[in-house]
């Protein structure tokens, strides 16, 4: 009986991966569901835990602040930041101050796929000391420095 109790207790406290949605017409006080998406990727990142997926719906996201990602996943529980299937989100940093990065990834085990990053004040994305990240099918253009930069010993990253 005690084993059954502890087994049920473990199941009740187990966390399951969540999917959070972001849309240009969302609001950061929403629940991050498909019907009530968030407005910003930064809010979705703040709410997420390793193993979670952030789906970004298509549209143009006008941004001026760097999207800073410092939470690391693991080999078993990666973070996923993905374009919504069949859609192409554009992170437009054209109004960003010179010298600012679009995305600053200072973390490990992220899979980022299907985003356009344009017009950043410096790099469209910098992976700073991050390892085991996969950047896939992302477009970088119109940035005021390189589109994607690896720095501070970033290693074992896949750029596809």
N, C-alpha and C. Protein backbone atom coordinates (compact mmCIF):
# COMPACT_ATOMS: atom_id res chain seq x y z
N UNK A 1 0.82 -1.19 0.00
CA UNK A 1 0.00 0.00 0.00
C UNK A 1 0.88 1.26 0.00
N UNK A 2 1.95 1.24 0.78
CA UNK A 2 2.84 2.38 0.85
C UNK A 2 3.49 2.65 -0.52
N UNK A 3 3.87 1.60 -1.24
CA UNK A 3 4.47 1.76 -2.56
C UNK A 3 3.48 2.41 -3.51
N UNK A 4 2.23 1.98 -3.47
CA UNK A 4 1.19 2.56 -4.32
C UNK A 4 1.01 4.05 -3.99
N UNK A 5 1.00 4.38 -2.71
CA UNK A 5 0.85 5.77 -2.29
C UNK A 5 1.99 6.63 -2.83
N UNK A 6 3.25 6.17 -2.67
CA UNK A 6 4.40 6.94 -3.15
C UNK A 6 4.41 7.03 -4.67
N UNK A 7 3.99 5.98 -5.33
CA UNK A 7 3.89 5.99 -6.79
C UNK A 7 2.89 7.03 -7.26
N UNK A 8 1.73 7.09 -6.62
CA UNK A 8 0.71 8.08 -6.98
C UNK A 8 1.18 9.50 -6.65
N UNK A 9 1.89 9.64 -5.53
CA UNK A 9 2.43 10.94 -5.16
C UNK A 9 3.44 11.43 -6.19
N UNK A 10 4.30 10.55 -6.66
CA UNK A 10 5.29 10.92 -7.67
C UNK A 10 4.60 11.31 -8.97
N UNK A 11 3.57 10.57 -9.36
CA UNK A 11 2.84 10.88 -10.58
C UNK A 11 2.13 12.22 -10.47
N UNK A 12 1.57 12.50 -9.31
CA UNK A 12 0.84 13.75 -9.10
C UNK A 12 1.77 14.96 -9.13
N UNK A 13 3.02 14.79 -8.73
CA UNK A 13 3.95 15.92 -8.71
C UNK A 13 4.84 15.97 -9.94
N UNK A 14 4.72 15.00 -10.84
CA UNK A 14 5.53 14.99 -12.06
C UNK A 14 5.12 16.15 -12.96
N UNK A 15 6.10 16.70 -13.64
CA UNK A 15 5.80 17.77 -14.59
C UNK A 15 5.87 17.22 -16.01
N UNK A 16 4.95 17.65 -16.83
CA UNK A 16 4.89 17.22 -18.20
C UNK A 16 5.22 18.41 -19.09
N UNK A 17 5.88 18.18 -20.21
CA UNK A 17 6.22 19.30 -21.08
C UNK A 17 4.97 20.09 -21.50
N UNK A 18 5.12 21.39 -21.55
CA UNK A 18 4.03 22.28 -21.95
C UNK A 18 4.33 22.85 -23.33
N UNK A 19 3.28 23.25 -24.02
CA UNK A 19 3.41 23.99 -25.27
C UNK A 19 2.82 25.36 -25.03
N UNK A 20 3.61 26.38 -25.35
CA UNK A 20 3.16 27.76 -25.19
C UNK A 20 3.12 28.41 -26.58
N UNK A 21 2.10 29.22 -26.79
CA UNK A 21 1.90 29.86 -28.09
C UNK A 21 2.15 31.36 -27.99
N UNK A 22 2.73 31.90 -29.06
CA UNK A 22 2.98 33.33 -29.17
C UNK A 22 2.40 33.79 -30.50
N UNK A 23 1.73 34.93 -30.50
CA UNK A 23 1.15 35.49 -31.72
C UNK A 23 1.22 37.01 -31.69
N UNK A 24 1.28 37.63 -32.86
CA UNK A 24 1.36 39.09 -32.92
C UNK A 24 0.14 39.75 -32.28
N UNK A 25 -0.99 39.07 -32.27
CA UNK A 25 -2.20 39.63 -31.66
C UNK A 25 -2.42 39.08 -30.25
N UNK A 26 -1.40 38.47 -29.66
CA UNK A 26 -1.53 37.93 -28.31
C UNK A 26 -1.35 39.00 -27.25
N UNK A 27 -1.41 38.56 -26.01
CA UNK A 27 -1.22 39.47 -24.86
C UNK A 27 -0.47 38.69 -23.78
N UNK A 28 0.51 39.32 -23.16
CA UNK A 28 1.34 38.61 -22.18
C UNK A 28 0.63 38.25 -20.89
N UNK A 29 -0.61 38.67 -20.71
CA UNK A 29 -1.38 38.22 -19.55
C UNK A 29 -2.25 37.00 -19.90
N UNK A 30 -2.20 36.58 -21.16
CA UNK A 30 -2.96 35.39 -21.59
C UNK A 30 -2.34 34.12 -21.02
N UNK A 31 -3.03 33.01 -21.24
CA UNK A 31 -2.60 31.72 -20.70
C UNK A 31 -1.54 31.02 -21.54
N UNK A 32 -1.18 31.56 -22.70
CA UNK A 32 -0.21 30.97 -23.63
C UNK A 32 -0.77 29.75 -24.36
N UNK A 33 -2.09 29.60 -24.36
CA UNK A 33 -2.73 28.51 -25.09
C UNK A 33 -2.88 28.90 -26.56
N UNK A 34 -3.29 27.97 -27.36
CA UNK A 34 -3.51 28.24 -28.80
C UNK A 34 -4.56 29.34 -28.98
N UNK A 35 -5.62 29.31 -28.17
CA UNK A 35 -6.70 30.29 -28.28
C UNK A 35 -6.37 31.62 -27.60
N UNK A 36 -5.49 31.59 -26.61
CA UNK A 36 -5.10 32.80 -25.87
C UNK A 36 -3.58 32.90 -25.82
N UNK A 37 -2.95 33.22 -26.97
CA UNK A 37 -1.48 33.24 -27.03
C UNK A 37 -0.87 34.45 -26.32
N UNK A 38 0.40 34.31 -26.02
CA UNK A 38 1.19 35.42 -25.48
C UNK A 38 1.56 36.35 -26.63
N UNK A 39 2.03 37.54 -26.29
CA UNK A 39 2.47 38.51 -27.31
C UNK A 39 3.97 38.44 -27.55
N UNK A 40 4.74 37.98 -26.56
CA UNK A 40 6.19 38.04 -26.70
C UNK A 40 6.85 36.69 -26.41
N UNK A 41 7.90 36.46 -27.16
CA UNK A 41 8.70 35.24 -26.95
C UNK A 41 9.37 35.32 -25.59
N UNK A 42 9.79 36.51 -25.16
CA UNK A 42 10.47 36.64 -23.87
C UNK A 42 9.57 36.18 -22.72
N UNK A 43 8.29 36.47 -22.78
CA UNK A 43 7.36 36.01 -21.74
C UNK A 43 7.24 34.49 -21.79
N UNK A 44 7.17 33.93 -23.00
CA UNK A 44 7.08 32.48 -23.14
C UNK A 44 8.33 31.80 -22.58
N UNK A 45 9.51 32.38 -22.84
CA UNK A 45 10.75 31.83 -22.30
C UNK A 45 10.72 31.88 -20.78
N UNK A 46 10.28 32.99 -20.21
CA UNK A 46 10.23 33.14 -18.76
C UNK A 46 9.32 32.10 -18.11
N UNK A 47 8.25 31.72 -18.78
CA UNK A 47 7.29 30.76 -18.23
C UNK A 47 7.70 29.31 -18.45
N UNK A 48 8.63 29.08 -19.35
CA UNK A 48 8.95 27.71 -19.78
C UNK A 48 10.00 27.03 -18.91
N UNK A 49 9.92 25.71 -18.93
CA UNK A 49 10.89 24.85 -18.26
C UNK A 49 11.48 23.91 -19.30
N UNK A 50 12.61 23.31 -18.97
CA UNK A 50 13.26 22.37 -19.88
C UNK A 50 12.25 21.32 -20.33
N UNK A 51 12.24 21.05 -21.62
CA UNK A 51 11.31 20.10 -22.21
C UNK A 51 10.12 20.77 -22.87
N UNK A 52 9.89 22.04 -22.57
CA UNK A 52 8.73 22.76 -23.12
C UNK A 52 8.98 23.21 -24.55
N UNK A 53 7.89 23.48 -25.25
CA UNK A 53 7.92 23.97 -26.63
C UNK A 53 7.23 25.32 -26.69
N UNK A 54 7.87 26.26 -27.38
CA UNK A 54 7.28 27.57 -27.66
C UNK A 54 7.01 27.61 -29.16
N UNK A 55 5.75 27.75 -29.54
CA UNK A 55 5.38 27.85 -30.95
C UNK A 55 5.04 29.29 -31.27
N UNK A 56 5.76 29.86 -32.24
CA UNK A 56 5.59 31.26 -32.62
C UNK A 56 4.80 31.29 -33.93
N UNK A 57 3.63 31.90 -33.87
CA UNK A 57 2.80 31.98 -35.07
C UNK A 57 3.37 33.00 -36.03
N UNK A 58 3.00 32.88 -37.30
CA UNK A 58 3.50 33.76 -38.34
C UNK A 58 3.11 35.20 -38.10
N UNK A 59 3.82 36.10 -38.77
CA UNK A 59 3.58 37.53 -38.65
C UNK A 59 4.88 38.26 -38.40
N UNK A 60 4.79 39.57 -38.34
CA UNK A 60 5.97 40.40 -38.10
C UNK A 60 5.92 40.91 -36.66
N UNK A 61 6.96 40.59 -35.90
CA UNK A 61 7.09 41.02 -34.51
C UNK A 61 8.08 42.17 -34.49
N UNK A 62 7.62 43.38 -34.27
CA UNK A 62 8.47 44.57 -34.21
C UNK A 62 9.11 44.63 -32.82
N UNK A 63 10.43 44.49 -32.78
CA UNK A 63 11.14 44.38 -31.50
C UNK A 63 12.27 45.40 -31.43
N UNK A 64 12.52 45.89 -30.22
CA UNK A 64 13.66 46.78 -29.99
C UNK A 64 14.60 46.22 -28.92
N UNK A 65 14.09 45.39 -28.03
CA UNK A 65 14.90 44.82 -26.95
C UNK A 65 15.45 43.46 -27.35
N UNK A 66 16.66 43.17 -26.92
CA UNK A 66 17.28 41.87 -27.15
C UNK A 66 16.47 40.78 -26.45
N UNK A 67 16.25 39.67 -27.16
CA UNK A 67 15.65 38.49 -26.54
C UNK A 67 16.79 37.72 -25.89
N UNK A 68 16.88 37.79 -24.56
CA UNK A 68 17.95 37.12 -23.81
C UNK A 68 17.45 35.78 -23.30
N UNK A 69 18.19 34.74 -23.66
CA UNK A 69 17.85 33.38 -23.23
C UNK A 69 19.02 32.84 -22.43
N UNK A 70 18.77 32.58 -21.15
CA UNK A 70 19.83 32.09 -20.27
C UNK A 70 19.48 30.78 -19.57
N UNK A 71 18.28 30.24 -19.82
CA UNK A 71 17.89 28.97 -19.21
C UNK A 71 18.42 27.82 -20.07
N UNK A 72 19.07 26.87 -19.43
CA UNK A 72 19.59 25.72 -20.16
C UNK A 72 18.70 24.50 -19.96
N UNK A 73 18.60 23.74 -21.04
CA UNK A 73 17.95 22.44 -20.96
C UNK A 73 19.02 21.38 -20.75
N UNK A 74 18.67 20.15 -21.08
CA UNK A 74 19.62 19.04 -20.98
C UNK A 74 19.45 18.18 -22.22
N UNK A 75 20.30 17.19 -22.36
CA UNK A 75 20.18 16.30 -23.52
C UNK A 75 18.82 15.62 -23.56
N UNK A 76 18.29 15.27 -22.41
CA UNK A 76 16.99 14.59 -22.34
C UNK A 76 15.81 15.56 -22.40
N UNK A 77 16.00 16.79 -21.96
CA UNK A 77 14.92 17.77 -21.87
C UNK A 77 15.38 19.11 -22.47
N UNK A 78 15.27 19.19 -23.78
CA UNK A 78 15.65 20.41 -24.48
C UNK A 78 14.53 21.44 -24.41
N UNK A 79 14.88 22.67 -24.69
CA UNK A 79 13.90 23.72 -24.94
C UNK A 79 13.69 23.78 -26.45
N UNK A 80 12.46 24.04 -26.88
CA UNK A 80 12.13 24.16 -28.30
C UNK A 80 11.49 25.52 -28.55
N UNK A 81 12.08 26.28 -29.47
CA UNK A 81 11.53 27.56 -29.91
C UNK A 81 11.35 27.42 -31.42
N UNK A 82 10.10 27.21 -31.83
CA UNK A 82 9.81 26.81 -33.20
C UNK A 82 8.76 27.70 -33.85
N UNK A 83 8.90 27.88 -35.15
CA UNK A 83 7.83 28.52 -35.91
C UNK A 83 6.63 27.57 -35.91
N UNK A 84 5.45 28.15 -35.81
CA UNK A 84 4.23 27.35 -35.90
C UNK A 84 4.26 26.64 -37.26
N UNK A 85 3.87 25.36 -37.32
CA UNK A 85 3.94 24.61 -38.58
C UNK A 85 3.25 25.35 -39.73
N UNK A 86 4.01 25.48 -40.83
CA UNK A 86 3.48 26.11 -42.03
C UNK A 86 3.49 27.63 -42.00
N UNK A 87 4.02 28.23 -40.94
CA UNK A 87 4.05 29.69 -40.82
C UNK A 87 5.49 30.16 -40.67
N UNK A 88 5.71 31.45 -40.93
CA UNK A 88 7.06 32.00 -40.88
C UNK A 88 7.07 33.29 -40.08
N UNK A 89 7.39 33.25 -38.80
CA UNK A 89 7.49 34.48 -38.00
C UNK A 89 8.75 35.28 -38.36
N UNK A 90 8.60 36.60 -38.39
CA UNK A 90 9.71 37.50 -38.66
C UNK A 90 9.95 38.34 -37.41
N UNK A 91 11.14 38.21 -36.82
CA UNK A 91 11.53 39.03 -35.69
C UNK A 91 12.25 40.24 -36.27
N UNK A 92 11.55 41.36 -36.34
CA UNK A 92 12.04 42.56 -37.01
C UNK A 92 12.62 43.53 -35.98
N UNK A 93 13.94 43.61 -35.96
CA UNK A 93 14.67 44.48 -35.04
C UNK A 93 15.12 45.77 -35.72
N UNK A 94 14.50 46.15 -36.81
CA UNK A 94 14.94 47.31 -37.60
C UNK A 94 14.98 48.61 -36.80
N UNK A 95 14.18 48.73 -35.77
CA UNK A 95 14.16 49.95 -34.95
C UNK A 95 15.06 49.83 -33.72
N UNK A 96 15.84 48.76 -33.64
CA UNK A 96 16.71 48.54 -32.49
C UNK A 96 17.95 49.44 -32.56
N UNK A 97 18.45 49.84 -31.40
CA UNK A 97 19.65 50.68 -31.32
C UNK A 97 20.86 49.95 -31.87
N UNK A 98 21.74 50.71 -32.51
CA UNK A 98 22.98 50.16 -33.04
C UNK A 98 23.77 49.51 -31.90
N UNK A 99 24.32 48.33 -32.18
CA UNK A 99 25.13 47.62 -31.19
C UNK A 99 24.37 46.60 -30.37
N UNK A 100 23.05 46.55 -30.50
CA UNK A 100 22.24 45.58 -29.73
C UNK A 100 22.01 44.32 -30.56
N UNK A 101 22.01 43.20 -29.90
CA UNK A 101 21.76 41.92 -30.58
C UNK A 101 20.26 41.63 -30.64
N UNK A 102 19.89 40.84 -31.63
CA UNK A 102 18.51 40.40 -31.71
C UNK A 102 18.23 39.36 -30.63
N UNK A 103 18.89 38.21 -30.74
CA UNK A 103 18.75 37.13 -29.76
C UNK A 103 20.12 36.87 -29.15
N UNK A 104 20.18 36.83 -27.83
CA UNK A 104 21.39 36.48 -27.10
C UNK A 104 21.13 35.15 -26.40
N UNK A 105 21.74 34.10 -26.93
CA UNK A 105 21.55 32.75 -26.40
C UNK A 105 22.77 32.38 -25.57
N UNK A 106 22.62 32.46 -24.25
CA UNK A 106 23.69 32.10 -23.32
C UNK A 106 23.23 30.86 -22.54
N UNK A 107 22.93 29.81 -23.29
CA UNK A 107 22.34 28.62 -22.68
C UNK A 107 22.66 27.41 -23.55
N UNK A 108 22.34 26.25 -23.02
CA UNK A 108 22.59 24.98 -23.69
C UNK A 108 21.28 24.26 -24.01
N UNK A 109 21.35 23.42 -25.01
CA UNK A 109 20.26 22.50 -25.36
C UNK A 109 18.96 23.21 -25.76
N UNK A 110 19.08 24.14 -26.70
CA UNK A 110 17.93 24.78 -27.32
C UNK A 110 17.84 24.33 -28.77
N UNK A 111 16.63 24.11 -29.24
CA UNK A 111 16.38 23.84 -30.66
C UNK A 111 15.51 24.99 -31.16
N UNK A 112 16.09 25.81 -32.03
CA UNK A 112 15.39 26.98 -32.57
C UNK A 112 15.23 26.75 -34.07
N UNK A 113 13.98 26.81 -34.56
CA UNK A 113 13.73 26.47 -35.97
C UNK A 113 12.69 27.39 -36.60
N UNK A 114 13.00 27.83 -37.82
CA UNK A 114 12.01 28.46 -38.67
C UNK A 114 11.76 29.94 -38.44
N UNK A 115 12.68 30.65 -37.80
CA UNK A 115 12.49 32.08 -37.54
C UNK A 115 13.29 32.91 -38.52
N UNK A 116 12.77 34.06 -38.90
CA UNK A 116 13.52 35.08 -39.63
C UNK A 116 13.92 36.14 -38.63
N UNK A 117 15.21 36.47 -38.59
CA UNK A 117 15.71 37.51 -37.69
C UNK A 117 16.35 38.58 -38.57
N UNK A 118 15.77 39.78 -38.55
CA UNK A 118 16.25 40.82 -39.45
C UNK A 118 16.45 42.15 -38.74
N UNK A 119 17.41 42.91 -39.25
CA UNK A 119 17.58 44.30 -38.85
C UNK A 119 18.16 44.55 -37.47
N UNK A 120 18.77 43.56 -36.82
CA UNK A 120 19.30 43.77 -35.47
C UNK A 120 20.42 44.81 -35.49
N UNK A 121 20.60 45.51 -34.38
CA UNK A 121 21.63 46.54 -34.25
C UNK A 121 23.03 45.98 -34.26
N UNK A 122 23.20 44.70 -34.08
CA UNK A 122 24.49 44.02 -34.14
C UNK A 122 24.21 42.66 -34.77
N UNK A 123 24.51 41.57 -34.08
CA UNK A 123 24.23 40.23 -34.60
C UNK A 123 22.74 39.93 -34.53
N UNK A 124 22.25 39.22 -35.51
CA UNK A 124 20.87 38.75 -35.42
C UNK A 124 20.72 37.79 -34.24
N UNK A 125 21.71 36.92 -34.06
CA UNK A 125 21.76 36.01 -32.91
C UNK A 125 23.21 35.79 -32.54
N UNK A 126 23.46 35.79 -31.26
CA UNK A 126 24.77 35.41 -30.76
C UNK A 126 24.58 34.25 -29.80
N UNK A 127 25.33 33.18 -30.05
CA UNK A 127 25.40 32.08 -29.09
C UNK A 127 26.68 32.30 -28.31
N UNK A 128 26.53 32.68 -27.05
CA UNK A 128 27.64 33.08 -26.21
C UNK A 128 27.88 31.98 -25.17
N UNK A 129 28.92 31.18 -25.39
CA UNK A 129 29.31 30.08 -24.50
C UNK A 129 28.29 28.95 -24.49
N UNK A 130 27.27 29.02 -25.32
CA UNK A 130 26.25 27.98 -25.36
C UNK A 130 26.74 26.72 -26.07
N UNK A 131 26.24 25.59 -25.63
CA UNK A 131 26.62 24.32 -26.23
C UNK A 131 25.39 23.48 -26.55
N UNK A 132 25.56 22.61 -27.52
CA UNK A 132 24.55 21.62 -27.90
C UNK A 132 23.21 22.27 -28.31
N UNK A 133 23.29 23.42 -28.94
CA UNK A 133 22.10 24.06 -29.49
C UNK A 133 21.98 23.70 -30.96
N UNK A 134 20.76 23.71 -31.46
CA UNK A 134 20.51 23.44 -32.88
C UNK A 134 19.70 24.61 -33.44
N UNK A 135 20.29 25.32 -34.39
CA UNK A 135 19.64 26.44 -35.05
C UNK A 135 19.34 25.96 -36.47
N UNK A 136 18.07 25.84 -36.78
CA UNK A 136 17.68 25.17 -38.02
C UNK A 136 16.70 26.02 -38.83
N UNK A 137 16.98 26.13 -40.12
CA UNK A 137 16.10 26.82 -41.06
C UNK A 137 15.73 28.24 -40.62
N UNK A 138 16.66 28.93 -40.01
CA UNK A 138 16.46 30.33 -39.64
C UNK A 138 17.13 31.20 -40.70
N UNK A 139 16.52 32.32 -41.02
CA UNK A 139 17.09 33.28 -41.95
C UNK A 139 17.55 34.51 -41.17
N UNK A 140 18.75 34.99 -41.50
CA UNK A 140 19.32 36.17 -40.88
C UNK A 140 19.63 37.16 -41.99
N UNK A 141 19.04 38.35 -41.95
CA UNK A 141 19.30 39.32 -43.01
C UNK A 141 19.09 40.74 -42.51
N UNK A 142 19.84 41.66 -43.14
CA UNK A 142 19.72 43.08 -42.81
C UNK A 142 20.22 43.43 -41.43
N UNK A 143 20.95 42.53 -40.78
CA UNK A 143 21.50 42.84 -39.46
C UNK A 143 22.76 43.68 -39.65
N UNK A 144 23.10 44.50 -38.65
CA UNK A 144 24.21 45.43 -38.81
C UNK A 144 25.57 44.82 -38.49
N UNK A 145 25.60 43.55 -38.20
CA UNK A 145 26.82 42.77 -38.09
C UNK A 145 26.46 41.40 -38.63
N UNK A 146 27.19 40.37 -38.24
CA UNK A 146 26.89 39.04 -38.79
C UNK A 146 25.49 38.59 -38.38
N UNK A 147 24.93 37.73 -39.18
CA UNK A 147 23.61 37.21 -38.84
C UNK A 147 23.64 36.35 -37.60
N UNK A 148 24.59 35.41 -37.56
CA UNK A 148 24.73 34.49 -36.43
C UNK A 148 26.19 34.43 -36.03
N UNK A 149 26.45 34.66 -34.75
CA UNK A 149 27.82 34.65 -34.26
C UNK A 149 27.95 33.68 -33.10
N UNK A 150 29.03 32.91 -33.11
CA UNK A 150 29.38 32.04 -31.99
C UNK A 150 30.54 32.71 -31.25
N UNK A 151 30.44 32.82 -29.93
CA UNK A 151 31.50 33.50 -29.18
C UNK A 151 31.70 32.86 -27.81
N UNK A 152 32.75 33.28 -27.15
CA UNK A 152 33.07 32.88 -25.78
C UNK A 152 33.11 31.36 -25.61
N UNK A 153 33.66 30.68 -26.59
CA UNK A 153 33.82 29.24 -26.49
C UNK A 153 32.59 28.42 -26.80
N UNK A 154 31.61 29.01 -27.46
CA UNK A 154 30.42 28.24 -27.86
C UNK A 154 30.89 27.04 -28.69
N UNK A 155 30.37 25.86 -28.38
CA UNK A 155 30.81 24.66 -29.10
C UNK A 155 29.71 23.61 -29.14
N UNK A 156 29.90 22.66 -30.04
CA UNK A 156 28.95 21.57 -30.24
C UNK A 156 27.55 22.07 -30.62
N UNK A 157 27.51 23.18 -31.35
CA UNK A 157 26.25 23.71 -31.84
C UNK A 157 26.07 23.28 -33.29
N UNK A 158 24.83 23.05 -33.70
CA UNK A 158 24.54 22.70 -35.09
C UNK A 158 23.81 23.88 -35.73
N UNK A 159 24.32 24.36 -36.84
CA UNK A 159 23.69 25.43 -37.60
C UNK A 159 23.29 24.80 -38.93
N UNK A 160 21.99 24.67 -39.12
CA UNK A 160 21.49 23.95 -40.30
C UNK A 160 20.64 24.90 -41.13
